[in-house]
Amino acid sequence: MPKITAETGLVTQINVFDVHPGRQEQLIDHLAEAARSCRDHIPGWISASLHLSLDGARVVNYAQTEDEAAMRQVFAHLTAEGWLDRNRAFGTAHPGLYRVIKTVER
């Protein structure tokens, strides 16, 4: 389950994909399969939340791990298993690593 809470030490990867027309659902399925692979193989993996834009142009992956070392294991696993190379068939990725610093809630 995603944890959007400030100052937890969790590391969040937010990856925005510019998707080729008509490929959103296929990319979502691909990313979900990659996430299940990480869930099953990477200690410290927490979650992946997949979002599709209403205009059909983007997919966002919001993924969390317990710490930066676990996120590096995720990248190594995804690279070694070819997941990152296969992402390119769907569009262009714009990844970044983040920490939640503040949240504002109702």
PDB file of N, CA and C in Angstrom:
ATOM      1  N   MET A   1       0.843  -1.180   0.000  1.00  0.00           N
ATOM      2  CA  MET A   1       0.000   0.000   0.000  1.00  0.00           C
ATOM      3  C   MET A   1       0.888   1.243   0.000  1.00  0.00           C
ATOM      4  N   PRO A   2       0.608   2.211  -0.857  1.00  0.00           N
ATOM      5  CA  PRO A   2       1.404   3.443  -0.882  1.00  0.00           C
ATOM      6  C   PRO A   2       1.298   4.169   0.456  1.00  0.00           C
ATOM      7  N   LYS A   3       2.400   4.786   0.840  1.00  0.00           N
ATOM      8  CA  LYS A   3       2.450   5.536   2.089  1.00  0.00           C
ATOM      9  C   LYS A   3       2.902   6.953   1.759  1.00  0.00           C
ATOM     10  N   ILE A   4       1.960   7.864   1.726  1.00  0.00           N
ATOM     11  CA  ILE A   4       2.296   9.251   1.415  1.00  0.00           C
ATOM     12  C   ILE A   4       2.266  10.023   2.732  1.00  0.00           C
ATOM     13  N   THR A   5       3.372   9.921   3.435  1.00  0.00           N
ATOM     14  CA  THR A   5       3.534  10.549   4.735  1.00  0.00           C
ATOM     15  C   THR A   5       4.912  11.182   4.778  1.00  0.00           C
ATOM     16  N   ALA A   6       4.991  12.384   5.318  1.00  0.00           N
ATOM     17  CA  ALA A   6       6.257  13.106   5.369  1.00  0.00           C
ATOM     18  C   ALA A   6       7.237  12.463   6.343  1.00  0.00           C
ATOM     19  N   GLU A   7       8.513  12.578   5.973  1.00  0.00           N
ATOM     20  CA  GLU A   7       9.626  12.232   6.866  1.00  0.00           C
ATOM     21  C   GLU A   7       9.628  10.774   7.317  1.00  0.00           C
ATOM     22  N   THR A   8       9.308   9.851   6.416  1.00  0.00           N
ATOM     23  CA  THR A   8       9.328   8.422   6.757  1.00  0.00           C
ATOM     24  C   THR A   8      10.632   7.743   6.373  1.00  0.00           C
ATOM     25  N   GLY A   9      11.407   8.388   5.494  1.00  0.00           N
ATOM     26  CA  GLY A   9      12.617   7.775   4.972  1.00  0.00           C
ATOM     27  C   GLY A   9      12.375   6.928   3.741  1.00  0.00           C
ATOM     28  N   LEU A  10      11.103   6.754   3.364  1.00  0.00           N
ATOM     29  CA  LEU A  10      10.797   5.983   2.168  1.00  0.00           C
ATOM     30  C   LEU A  10      11.288   6.728   0.937  1.00  0.00           C
ATOM     31  N   VAL A  11      11.608   5.965  -0.105  1.00  0.00           N
ATOM     32  CA  VAL A  11      12.011   6.560  -1.373  1.00  0.00           C
ATOM     33  C   VAL A  11      10.907   6.281  -2.384  1.00  0.00           C
ATOM     34  N   THR A  12      10.527   7.330  -3.107  1.00  0.00           N
ATOM     35  CA  THR A  12       9.474   7.233  -4.113  1.00  0.00           C
ATOM     36  C   THR A  12      10.060   7.520  -5.487  1.00  0.00           C
ATOM     37  N   GLN A  13       9.783   6.633  -6.420  1.00  0.00           N
ATOM     38  CA  GLN A  13      10.115   6.912  -7.810  1.00  0.00           C
ATOM     39  C   GLN A  13       8.826   7.338  -8.491  1.00  0.00           C
ATOM     40  N   ILE A  14       8.854   8.514  -9.100  1.00  0.00           N
ATOM     41  CA  ILE A  14       7.735   8.962  -9.915  1.00  0.00           C
ATOM     42  C   ILE A  14       8.243   8.966 -11.353  1.00  0.00           C
ATOM     43  N   ASN A  15       7.613   8.151 -12.178  1.00  0.00           N
ATOM     44  CA  ASN A  15       8.036   7.993 -13.560  1.00  0.00           C
ATOM     45  C   ASN A  15       6.866   8.353 -14.465  1.00  0.00           C
ATOM     46  N   VAL A  16       7.031   9.414 -15.226  1.00  0.00           N
ATOM     47  CA  VAL A  16       6.002   9.847 -16.166  1.00  0.00           C
ATOM     48  C   VAL A  16       6.404   9.348 -17.557  1.00  0.00           C
ATOM     49  N   PHE A  17       5.523   8.604 -18.176  1.00  0.00           N
ATOM     50  CA  PHE A  17       5.755   8.074 -19.523  1.00  0.00           C
ATOM     51  C   PHE A  17       4.923   8.863 -20.513  1.00  0.00           C
ATOM     52  N   ASP A  18       5.555   9.386 -21.552  1.00  0.00           N
ATOM     53  CA  ASP A  18       4.832   9.887 -22.716  1.00  0.00           C
ATOM     54  C   ASP A  18       4.573   8.661 -23.577  1.00  0.00           C
ATOM     55  N   VAL A  19       3.304   8.337 -23.777  1.00  0.00           N
ATOM     56  CA  VAL A  19       2.918   7.054 -24.367  1.00  0.00           C
ATOM     57  C   VAL A  19       2.541   7.213 -25.834  1.00  0.00           C
ATOM     58  N   HIS A  20       2.983   6.249 -26.651  1.00  0.00           N
ATOM     59  CA  HIS A  20       2.551   6.213 -28.049  1.00  0.00           C
ATOM     60  C   HIS A  20       1.021   6.080 -28.092  1.00  0.00           C
ATOM     61  N   PRO A  21       0.360   6.693 -29.052  1.00  0.00           N
ATOM     62  CA  PRO A  21      -1.105   6.642 -29.129  1.00  0.00           C
ATOM     63  C   PRO A  21      -1.645   5.212 -29.048  1.00  0.00           C
ATOM     64  N   GLY A  22      -2.655   5.048 -28.210  1.00  0.00           N
ATOM     65  CA  GLY A  22      -3.323   3.756 -28.072  1.00  0.00           C
ATOM     66  C   GLY A  22      -2.570   2.721 -27.248  1.00  0.00           C
ATOM     67  N   ARG A  23      -1.471   3.092 -26.581  1.00  0.00           N
ATOM     68  CA  ARG A  23      -0.652   2.110 -25.867  1.00  0.00           C
ATOM     69  C   ARG A  23      -0.745   2.212 -24.341  1.00  0.00           C
ATOM     70  N   GLN A  24      -1.608   3.089 -23.812  1.00  0.00           N
ATOM     71  CA  GLN A  24      -1.696   3.264 -22.365  1.00  0.00           C
ATOM     72  C   GLN A  24      -1.988   1.956 -21.639  1.00  0.00           C
ATOM     73  N   GLU A  25      -3.038   1.279 -22.030  1.00  0.00           N
ATOM     74  CA  GLU A  25      -3.443   0.045 -21.332  1.00  0.00           C
ATOM     75  C   GLU A  25      -2.355  -1.017 -21.414  1.00  0.00           C
ATOM     76  N   GLN A  26      -1.699  -1.122 -22.561  1.00  0.00           N
ATOM     77  CA  GLN A  26      -0.616  -2.105 -22.704  1.00  0.00           C
ATOM     78  C   GLN A  26       0.542  -1.768 -21.767  1.00  0.00           C
ATOM     79  N   LEU A  27       0.874  -0.488 -21.662  1.00  0.00           N
ATOM     80  CA  LEU A  27       1.950  -0.091 -20.747  1.00  0.00           C
ATOM     81  C   LEU A  27       1.549  -0.354 -19.306  1.00  0.00           C
ATOM     82  N   ILE A  28       0.314  -0.058 -18.943  1.00  0.00           N
ATOM     83  CA  ILE A  28      -0.163  -0.343 -17.582  1.00  0.00           C
ATOM     84  C   ILE A  28       0.002  -1.833 -17.277  1.00  0.00           C
ATOM     85  N   ASP A  29      -0.408  -2.691 -18.191  1.00  0.00           N
ATOM     86  CA  ASP A  29      -0.275  -4.146 -17.988  1.00  0.00           C
ATOM     87  C   ASP A  29       1.196  -4.536 -17.836  1.00  0.00           C
ATOM     88  N   HIS A  30       2.041  -3.976 -18.672  1.00  0.00           N
ATOM     89  CA  HIS A  30       3.486  -4.262 -18.627  1.00  0.00           C
ATOM     90  C   HIS A  30       4.086  -3.814 -17.287  1.00  0.00           C
ATOM     91  N   LEU A  31       3.747  -2.600 -16.852  1.00  0.00           N
ATOM     92  CA  LEU A  31       4.285  -2.085 -15.594  1.00  0.00           C
ATOM     93  C   LEU A  31       3.761  -2.871 -14.395  1.00  0.00           C
ATOM     94  N   ALA A  32       2.520  -3.314 -14.457  1.00  0.00           N
ATOM     95  CA  ALA A  32       1.967  -4.133 -13.377  1.00  0.00           C
ATOM     96  C   ALA A  32       2.712  -5.462 -13.266  1.00  0.00           C
ATOM     97  N   GLU A  33       3.031  -6.048 -14.397  1.00  0.00           N
ATOM     98  CA  GLU A  33       3.792  -7.307 -14.390  1.00  0.00           C
ATOM     99  C   GLU A  33       5.197  -7.080 -13.837  1.00  0.00           C
ATOM    100  N   ALA A  34       5.828  -5.993 -14.216  1.00  0.00           N
ATOM    101  CA  ALA A  34       7.156  -5.659 -13.683  1.00  0.00           C
ATOM    102  C   ALA A  34       7.082  -5.422 -12.181  1.00  0.00           C
ATOM    103  N   ALA A  35       6.028  -4.750 -11.721  1.00  0.00           N
ATOM    104  CA  ALA A  35       5.860  -4.494 -10.287  1.00  0.00           C
ATOM    105  C   ALA A  35       5.692  -5.799  -9.515  1.00  0.00           C
ATOM    106  N   ARG A  36       4.932  -6.731 -10.066  1.00  0.00           N
ATOM    107  CA  ARG A  36       4.769  -8.033  -9.399  1.00  0.00           C
ATOM    108  C   ARG A  36       6.109  -8.757  -9.304  1.00  0.00           C
ATOM    109  N   SER A  37       6.938  -8.618 -10.322  1.00  0.00           N
ATOM    110  CA  SER A  37       8.264  -9.230 -10.295  1.00  0.00           C
ATOM    111  C   SER A  37       9.109  -8.624  -9.168  1.00  0.00           C
ATOM    112  N   CYS A  38       9.040  -7.307  -9.025  1.00  0.00           N
ATOM    113  CA  CYS A  38       9.780  -6.645  -7.930  1.00  0.00           C
ATOM    114  C   CYS A  38       9.225  -7.054  -6.571  1.00  0.00           C
ATOM    115  N   ARG A  39       7.914  -7.081  -6.464  1.00  0.00           N
ATOM    116  CA  ARG A  39       7.265  -7.496  -5.207  1.00  0.00           C
ATOM    117  C   ARG A  39       7.760  -8.871  -4.772  1.00  0.00           C
ATOM    118  N   ASP A  40       7.915  -9.763  -5.735  1.00  0.00           N
ATOM    119  CA  ASP A  40       8.282 -11.143  -5.432  1.00  0.00           C
ATOM    120  C   ASP A  40       9.779 -11.344  -5.205  1.00  0.00           C
ATOM    121  N   HIS A  41      10.630 -10.385  -5.629  1.00  0.00           N
ATOM    122  CA  HIS A  41      12.069 -10.603  -5.585  1.00  0.00           C
ATOM    123  C   HIS A  41      12.875  -9.576  -4.792  1.00  0.00           C
ATOM    124  N   ILE A  42      12.302  -8.427  -4.448  1.00  0.00           N
ATOM    125  CA  ILE A  42      13.091  -7.358  -3.845  1.00  0.00           C
ATOM    126  C   ILE A  42      12.627  -7.086  -2.414  1.00  0.00           C
ATOM    127  N   PRO A  43      13.459  -7.437  -1.427  1.00  0.00           N
ATOM    128  CA  PRO A  43      13.132  -7.035  -0.053  1.00  0.00           C
ATOM    129  C   PRO A  43      13.147  -5.497   0.013  1.00  0.00           C
ATOM    130  N   GLY A  44      12.219  -4.924   0.717  1.00  0.00           N
ATOM    131  CA  GLY A  44      12.161  -3.477   0.827  1.00  0.00           C
ATOM    132  C   GLY A  44      11.265  -2.819  -0.195  1.00  0.00           C
ATOM    133  N   TRP A  45      10.775  -3.587  -1.195  1.00  0.00           N
ATOM    134  CA  TRP A  45       9.814  -3.035  -2.151  1.00  0.00           C
ATOM    135  C   TRP A  45       8.490  -2.871  -1.424  1.00  0.00           C
ATOM    136  N   ILE A  46       7.812  -1.752  -1.621  1.00  0.00           N
ATOM    137  CA  ILE A  46       6.545  -1.496  -0.926  1.00  0.00           C
ATOM    138  C   ILE A  46       5.358  -1.543  -1.878  1.00  0.00           C
ATOM    139  N   SER A  47       5.398  -0.729  -2.944  1.00  0.00           N
ATOM    140  CA  SER A  47       4.205  -0.651  -3.792  1.00  0.00           C
ATOM    141  C   SER A  47       4.516   0.027  -5.117  1.00  0.00           C
ATOM    142  N   ALA A  48       3.593  -0.152  -6.044  1.00  0.00           N
ATOM    143  CA  ALA A  48       3.577   0.603  -7.296  1.00  0.00           C
ATOM    144  C   ALA A  48       2.120   0.973  -7.558  1.00  0.00           C
ATOM    145  N   SER A  49       1.887   2.242  -7.840  1.00  0.00           N
ATOM    146  CA  SER A  49       0.546   2.729  -8.174  1.00  0.00           C
ATOM    147  C   SER A  49       0.609   3.283  -9.587  1.00  0.00           C
ATOM    148  N   LEU A  50      -0.240   2.765 -10.460  1.00  0.00           N
ATOM    149  CA  LEU A  50      -0.193   3.117 -11.877  1.00  0.00           C
ATOM    150  C   LEU A  50      -1.376   4.013 -12.227  1.00  0.00           C
ATOM    151  N   HIS A  51      -1.077   5.102 -12.934  1.00  0.00           N
ATOM    152  CA  HIS A  51      -2.085   6.104 -13.280  1.00  0.00           C
ATOM    153  C   HIS A  51      -2.060   6.330 -14.786  1.00  0.00           C
ATOM    154  N   LEU A  52      -3.232   6.497 -15.396  1.00  0.00           N
ATOM    155  CA  LEU A  52      -3.261   6.872 -16.806  1.00  0.00           C
ATOM    156  C   LEU A  52      -3.934   8.232 -16.934  1.00  0.00           C
ATOM    157  N   SER A  53      -3.407   9.038 -17.826  1.00  0.00           N
ATOM    158  CA  SER A  53      -3.965  10.372 -18.038  1.00  0.00           C
ATOM    159  C   SER A  53      -5.261  10.259 -18.829  1.00  0.00           C
ATOM    160  N   LEU A  54      -6.177  11.147 -18.553  1.00  0.00           N
ATOM    161  CA  LEU A  54      -7.464  11.115 -19.230  1.00  0.00           C
ATOM    162  C   LEU A  54      -7.371  11.492 -20.702  1.00  0.00           C
ATOM    163  N   ASP A  55      -6.283  12.168 -21.072  1.00  0.00           N
ATOM    164  CA  ASP A  55      -6.112  12.545 -22.485  1.00  0.00           C
ATOM    165  C   ASP A  55      -5.451  11.444 -23.317  1.00  0.00           C
ATOM    166  N   GLY A  56      -5.071  10.326 -22.685  1.00  0.00           N
ATOM    167  CA  GLY A  56      -4.489   9.201 -23.408  1.00  0.00           C
ATOM    168  C   GLY A  56      -3.018   9.341 -23.738  1.00  0.00           C
ATOM    169  N   ALA A  57      -2.367  10.401 -23.249  1.00  0.00           N
ATOM    170  CA  ALA A  57      -0.991  10.690 -23.661  1.00  0.00           C
ATOM    171  C   ALA A  57       0.077  10.244 -22.664  1.00  0.00           C
ATOM    172  N   ARG A  58      -0.304   9.967 -21.403  1.00  0.00           N
ATOM    173  CA  ARG A  58       0.703   9.666 -20.399  1.00  0.00           C
ATOM    174  C   ARG A  58       0.257   8.552 -19.459  1.00  0.00           C
ATOM    175  N   VAL A  59       1.254   7.907 -18.857  1.00  0.00           N
ATOM    176  CA  VAL A  59       1.071   6.970 -17.758  1.00  0.00           C
ATOM    177  C   VAL A  59       2.060   7.392 -16.690  1.00  0.00           C
ATOM    178  N   VAL A  60       1.632   7.345 -15.434  1.00  0.00           N
ATOM    179  CA  VAL A  60       2.510   7.673 -14.318  1.00  0.00           C
ATOM    180  C   VAL A  60       2.606   6.463 -13.404  1.00  0.00           C
ATOM    181  N   ASN A  61       3.836   6.120 -13.040  1.00  0.00           N
ATOM    182  CA  ASN A  61       4.103   5.049 -12.085  1.00  0.00           C
ATOM    183  C   ASN A  61       4.649   5.702 -10.821  1.00  0.00           C
ATOM    184  N   TYR A  62       3.963   5.496  -9.697  1.00  0.00           N
ATOM    185  CA  TYR A  62       4.365   6.008  -8.395  1.00  0.00           C
ATOM    186  C   TYR A  62       4.765   4.781  -7.585  1.00  0.00           C
ATOM    187  N   ALA A  63       6.071   4.549  -7.440  1.00  0.00           N
ATOM    188  CA  ALA A  63       6.564   3.329  -6.794  1.00  0.00           C
ATOM    189  C   ALA A  63       7.367   3.675  -5.545  1.00  0.00           C
ATOM    190  N   GLN A  64       7.227   2.867  -4.498  1.00  0.00           N
ATOM    191  CA  GLN A  64       7.928   3.145  -3.247  1.00  0.00           C
ATOM    192  C   GLN A  64       8.718   1.936  -2.749  1.00  0.00           C
ATOM    193  N   THR A  65       9.851   2.263  -2.114  1.00  0.00           N
ATOM    194  CA  THR A  65      10.670   1.272  -1.420  1.00  0.00           C
ATOM    195  C   THR A  65      11.010   1.808  -0.032  1.00  0.00           C
ATOM    196  N   GLU A  66      11.485   0.909   0.812  1.00  0.00           N
ATOM    197  CA  GLU A  66      11.813   1.290   2.184  1.00  0.00           C
ATOM    198  C   GLU A  66      12.957   2.290   2.264  1.00  0.00           C
ATOM    199  N   ASP A  67      13.887   2.214   1.309  1.00  0.00           N
ATOM    200  CA  ASP A  67      15.042   3.117   1.334  1.00  0.00           C
ATOM    201  C   ASP A  67      15.692   3.148  -0.048  1.00  0.00           C
ATOM    202  N   GLU A  68      16.732   3.958  -0.175  1.00  0.00           N
ATOM    203  CA  GLU A  68      17.394   4.110  -1.468  1.00  0.00           C
ATOM    204  C   GLU A  68      18.088   2.829  -1.916  1.00  0.00           C
ATOM    205  N   ALA A  69      18.635   2.070  -0.967  1.00  0.00           N
ATOM    206  CA  ALA A  69      19.292   0.803  -1.327  1.00  0.00           C
ATOM    207  C   ALA A  69      18.296  -0.162  -1.973  1.00  0.00           C
ATOM    208  N   ALA A  70      17.097  -0.233  -1.443  1.00  0.00           N
ATOM    209  CA  ALA A  70      16.071  -1.104  -2.027  1.00  0.00           C
ATOM    210  C   ALA A  70      15.687  -0.614  -3.419  1.00  0.00           C
ATOM    211  N   MET A  71      15.609   0.719  -3.607  1.00  0.00           N
ATOM    212  CA  MET A  71      15.267   1.248  -4.931  1.00  0.00           C
ATOM    213  C   MET A  71      16.365   0.904  -5.934  1.00  0.00           C
ATOM    214  N   ARG A  72      17.604   0.943  -5.504  1.00  0.00           N
ATOM    215  CA  ARG A  72      18.704   0.564  -6.403  1.00  0.00           C
ATOM    216  C   ARG A  72      18.608  -0.917  -6.774  1.00  0.00           C
ATOM    217  N   GLN A  73      18.167  -1.753  -5.827  1.00  0.00           N
ATOM    218  CA  GLN A  73      17.950  -3.173  -6.133  1.00  0.00           C
ATOM    219  C   GLN A  73      16.826  -3.337  -7.153  1.00  0.00           C
ATOM    220  N   VAL A  74      15.794  -2.514  -7.025  1.00  0.00           N
ATOM    221  CA  VAL A  74      14.692  -2.549  -7.996  1.00  0.00           C
ATOM    222  C   VAL A  74      15.228  -2.234  -9.392  1.00  0.00           C
ATOM    223  N   PHE A  75      16.004  -1.146  -9.517  1.00  0.00           N
ATOM    224  CA  PHE A  75      16.553  -0.779 -10.821  1.00  0.00           C
ATOM    225  C   PHE A  75      17.441  -1.884 -11.379  1.00  0.00           C
ATOM    226  N   ALA A  76      18.275  -2.473 -10.535  1.00  0.00           N
ATOM    227  CA  ALA A  76      19.160  -3.547 -10.986  1.00  0.00           C
ATOM    228  C   ALA A  76      18.345  -4.747 -11.472  1.00  0.00           C
ATOM    229  N   HIS A  77      17.312  -5.109 -10.732  1.00  0.00           N
ATOM    230  CA  HIS A  77      16.451  -6.233 -11.110  1.00  0.00           C
ATOM    231  C   HIS A  77      15.735  -5.952 -12.434  1.00  0.00           C
ATOM    232  N   LEU A  78      15.128  -4.760 -12.545  1.00  0.00           N
ATOM    233  CA  LEU A  78      14.386  -4.419 -13.754  1.00  0.00           C
ATOM    234  C   LEU A  78      15.300  -4.352 -14.972  1.00  0.00           C
ATOM    235  N   THR A  79      16.523  -3.881 -14.775  1.00  0.00           N
ATOM    236  CA  THR A  79      17.493  -3.826 -15.873  1.00  0.00           C
ATOM    237  C   THR A  79      17.912  -5.237 -16.281  1.00  0.00           C
ATOM    238  N   ALA A  80      18.294  -6.040 -15.297  1.00  0.00           N
ATOM    239  CA  ALA A  80      18.779  -7.397 -15.575  1.00  0.00           C
ATOM    240  C   ALA A  80      17.711  -8.258 -16.246  1.00  0.00           C
ATOM    241  N   GLU A  81      16.452  -8.050 -15.883  1.00  0.00           N
ATOM    242  CA  GLU A  81      15.361  -8.855 -16.443  1.00  0.00           C
ATOM    243  C   GLU A  81      14.800  -8.273 -17.749  1.00  0.00           C
ATOM    244  N   GLY A  82      15.335  -7.131 -18.193  1.00  0.00           N
ATOM    245  CA  GLY A  82      14.918  -6.547 -19.461  1.00  0.00           C
ATOM    246  C   GLY A  82      13.663  -5.693 -19.412  1.00  0.00           C
ATOM    247  N   TRP A  83      13.112  -5.472 -18.233  1.00  0.00           N
ATOM    248  CA  TRP A  83      11.878  -4.693 -18.120  1.00  0.00           C
ATOM    249  C   TRP A  83      12.066  -3.263 -18.628  1.00  0.00           C
ATOM    250  N   LEU A  84      13.169  -2.618 -18.258  1.00  0.00           N
ATOM    251  CA  LEU A  84      13.378  -1.223 -18.661  1.00  0.00           C
ATOM    252  C   LEU A  84      13.543  -1.098 -20.166  1.00  0.00           C
ATOM    253  N   ASP A  85      14.243  -2.042 -20.784  1.00  0.00           N
ATOM    254  CA  ASP A  85      14.374  -2.022 -22.244  1.00  0.00           C
ATOM    255  C   ASP A  85      13.009  -2.176 -22.921  1.00  0.00           C
ATOM    256  N   ARG A  86      12.169  -3.045 -22.383  1.00  0.00           N
ATOM    257  CA  ARG A  86      10.848  -3.280 -22.987  1.00  0.00           C
ATOM    258  C   ARG A  86       9.913  -2.078 -22.807  1.00  0.00           C
ATOM    259  N   ASN A  87      10.165  -1.241 -21.793  1.00  0.00           N
ATOM    260  CA  ASN A  87       9.348  -0.036 -21.607  1.00  0.00           C
ATOM    261  C   ASN A  87       9.370   0.844 -22.855  1.00  0.00           C
ATOM    262  N   ARG A  88      10.501   0.876 -23.536  1.00  0.00           N
ATOM    263  CA  ARG A  88      10.683   1.781 -24.682  1.00  0.00           C
ATOM    264  C   ARG A  88       9.704   1.519 -25.820  1.00  0.00           C
ATOM    265  N   ALA A  89       9.155   0.327 -25.885  1.00  0.00           N
ATOM    266  CA  ALA A  89       8.190   0.018 -26.936  1.00  0.00           C
ATOM    267  C   ALA A  89       6.890   0.808 -26.774  1.00  0.00           C
ATOM    268  N   PHE A  90       6.658   1.334 -25.565  1.00  0.00           N
ATOM    269  CA  PHE A  90       5.402   2.013 -25.274  1.00  0.00           C
ATOM    270  C   PHE A  90       5.503   3.536 -25.314  1.00  0.00           C
ATOM    271  N   GLY A  91       6.730   4.064 -25.212  1.00  0.00           N
ATOM    272  CA  GLY A  91       6.901   5.511 -25.195  1.00  0.00           C
ATOM    273  C   GLY A  91       8.205   5.897 -24.512  1.00  0.00           C
ATOM    274  N   THR A  92       8.243   7.130 -24.019  1.00  0.00           N
ATOM    275  CA  THR A  92       9.445   7.677 -23.406  1.00  0.00           C
ATOM    276  C   THR A  92       9.222   7.891 -21.918  1.00  0.00           C
ATOM    277  N   ALA A  93      10.169   7.422 -21.094  1.00  0.00           N
ATOM    278  CA  ALA A  93      10.071   7.545 -19.636  1.00  0.00           C
ATOM    279  C   ALA A  93      10.843   8.759 -19.141  1.00  0.00           C
ATOM    280  N   HIS A  94      10.322   9.366 -18.078  1.00  0.00           N
ATOM    281  CA  HIS A  94      10.963  10.505 -17.418  1.00  0.00           C
ATOM    282  C   HIS A  94      10.972  10.237 -15.913  1.00  0.00           C
ATOM    283  N   PRO A  95      11.894   9.373 -15.428  1.00  0.00           N
ATOM    284  CA  PRO A  95      11.891   8.981 -14.019  1.00  0.00           C
ATOM    285  C   PRO A  95      12.605   9.983 -13.113  1.00  0.00           C
ATOM    286  N   GLY A  96      12.249   9.937 -11.839  1.00  0.00           N
ATOM    287  CA  GLY A  96      12.942  10.709 -10.817  1.00  0.00           C
ATOM    288  C   GLY A  96      12.703  10.077  -9.457  1.00  0.00           C
ATOM    289  N   LEU A  97      13.657  10.245  -8.538  1.00  0.00           N
ATOM    290  CA  LEU A  97      13.524   9.733  -7.172  1.00  0.00           C
ATOM    291  C   LEU A  97      13.198  10.888  -6.233  1.00  0.00           C
ATOM    292  N   TYR A  98      12.293  10.618  -5.282  1.00  0.00           N
ATOM    293  CA  TYR A  98      11.789  11.661  -4.394  1.00  0.00           C
ATOM    294  C   TYR A  98      11.625  11.140  -2.973  1.00  0.00           C
ATOM    295  N   ARG A  99      11.587  12.086  -2.029  1.00  0.00           N
ATOM    296  CA  ARG A  99      11.175  11.831  -0.652  1.00  0.00           C
ATOM    297  C   ARG A  99       9.995  12.758  -0.360  1.00  0.00           C
ATOM    298  N   VAL A 100       8.995  12.252   0.350  1.00  0.00           N
ATOM    299  CA  VAL A 100       7.877  13.092   0.740  1.00  0.00           C
ATOM    300  C   VAL A 100       8.338  13.977   1.907  1.00  0.00           C
ATOM    301  N   ILE A 101       8.226  15.281   1.727  1.00  0.00           N
ATOM    302  CA  ILE A 101       8.675  16.231   2.744  1.00  0.00           C
ATOM    303  C   ILE A 101       7.497  16.800   3.520  1.00  0.00           C
ATOM    304  N   LYS A 102       6.412  17.087   2.847  1.00  0.00           N
ATOM    305  CA  LYS A 102       5.217  17.632   3.502  1.00  0.00           C
ATOM    306  C   LYS A 102       3.982  17.079   2.823  1.00  0.00           C
ATOM    307  N   THR A 103       2.929  16.932   3.599  1.00  0.00           N
ATOM    308  CA  THR A 103       1.625  16.617   3.059  1.00  0.00           C
ATOM    309  C   THR A 103       0.612  17.589   3.666  1.00  0.00           C
ATOM    310  N   VAL A 104      -0.396  17.919   2.915  1.00  0.00           N
ATOM    311  CA  VAL A 104      -1.485  18.760   3.393  1.00  0.00           C
ATOM    312  C   VAL A 104      -2.760  17.960   3.161  1.00  0.00           C
ATOM    313  N   GLU A 105      -3.518  17.757   4.216  1.00  0.00           N
ATOM    314  CA  GLU A 105      -4.724  16.938   4.114  1.00  0.00           C
ATOM    315  C   GLU A 105      -5.941  17.703   4.600  1.00  0.00           C
ATOM    316  N   ARG A 106      -7.066  17.203   4.267  1.00  0.00           N
ATOM    317  CA  ARG A 106      -8.332  17.780   4.707  1.00  0.00           C
ATOM    318  C   ARG A 106      -8.562  17.472   6.154  1.00  0.00           C
TER     319      ARG A 106
END
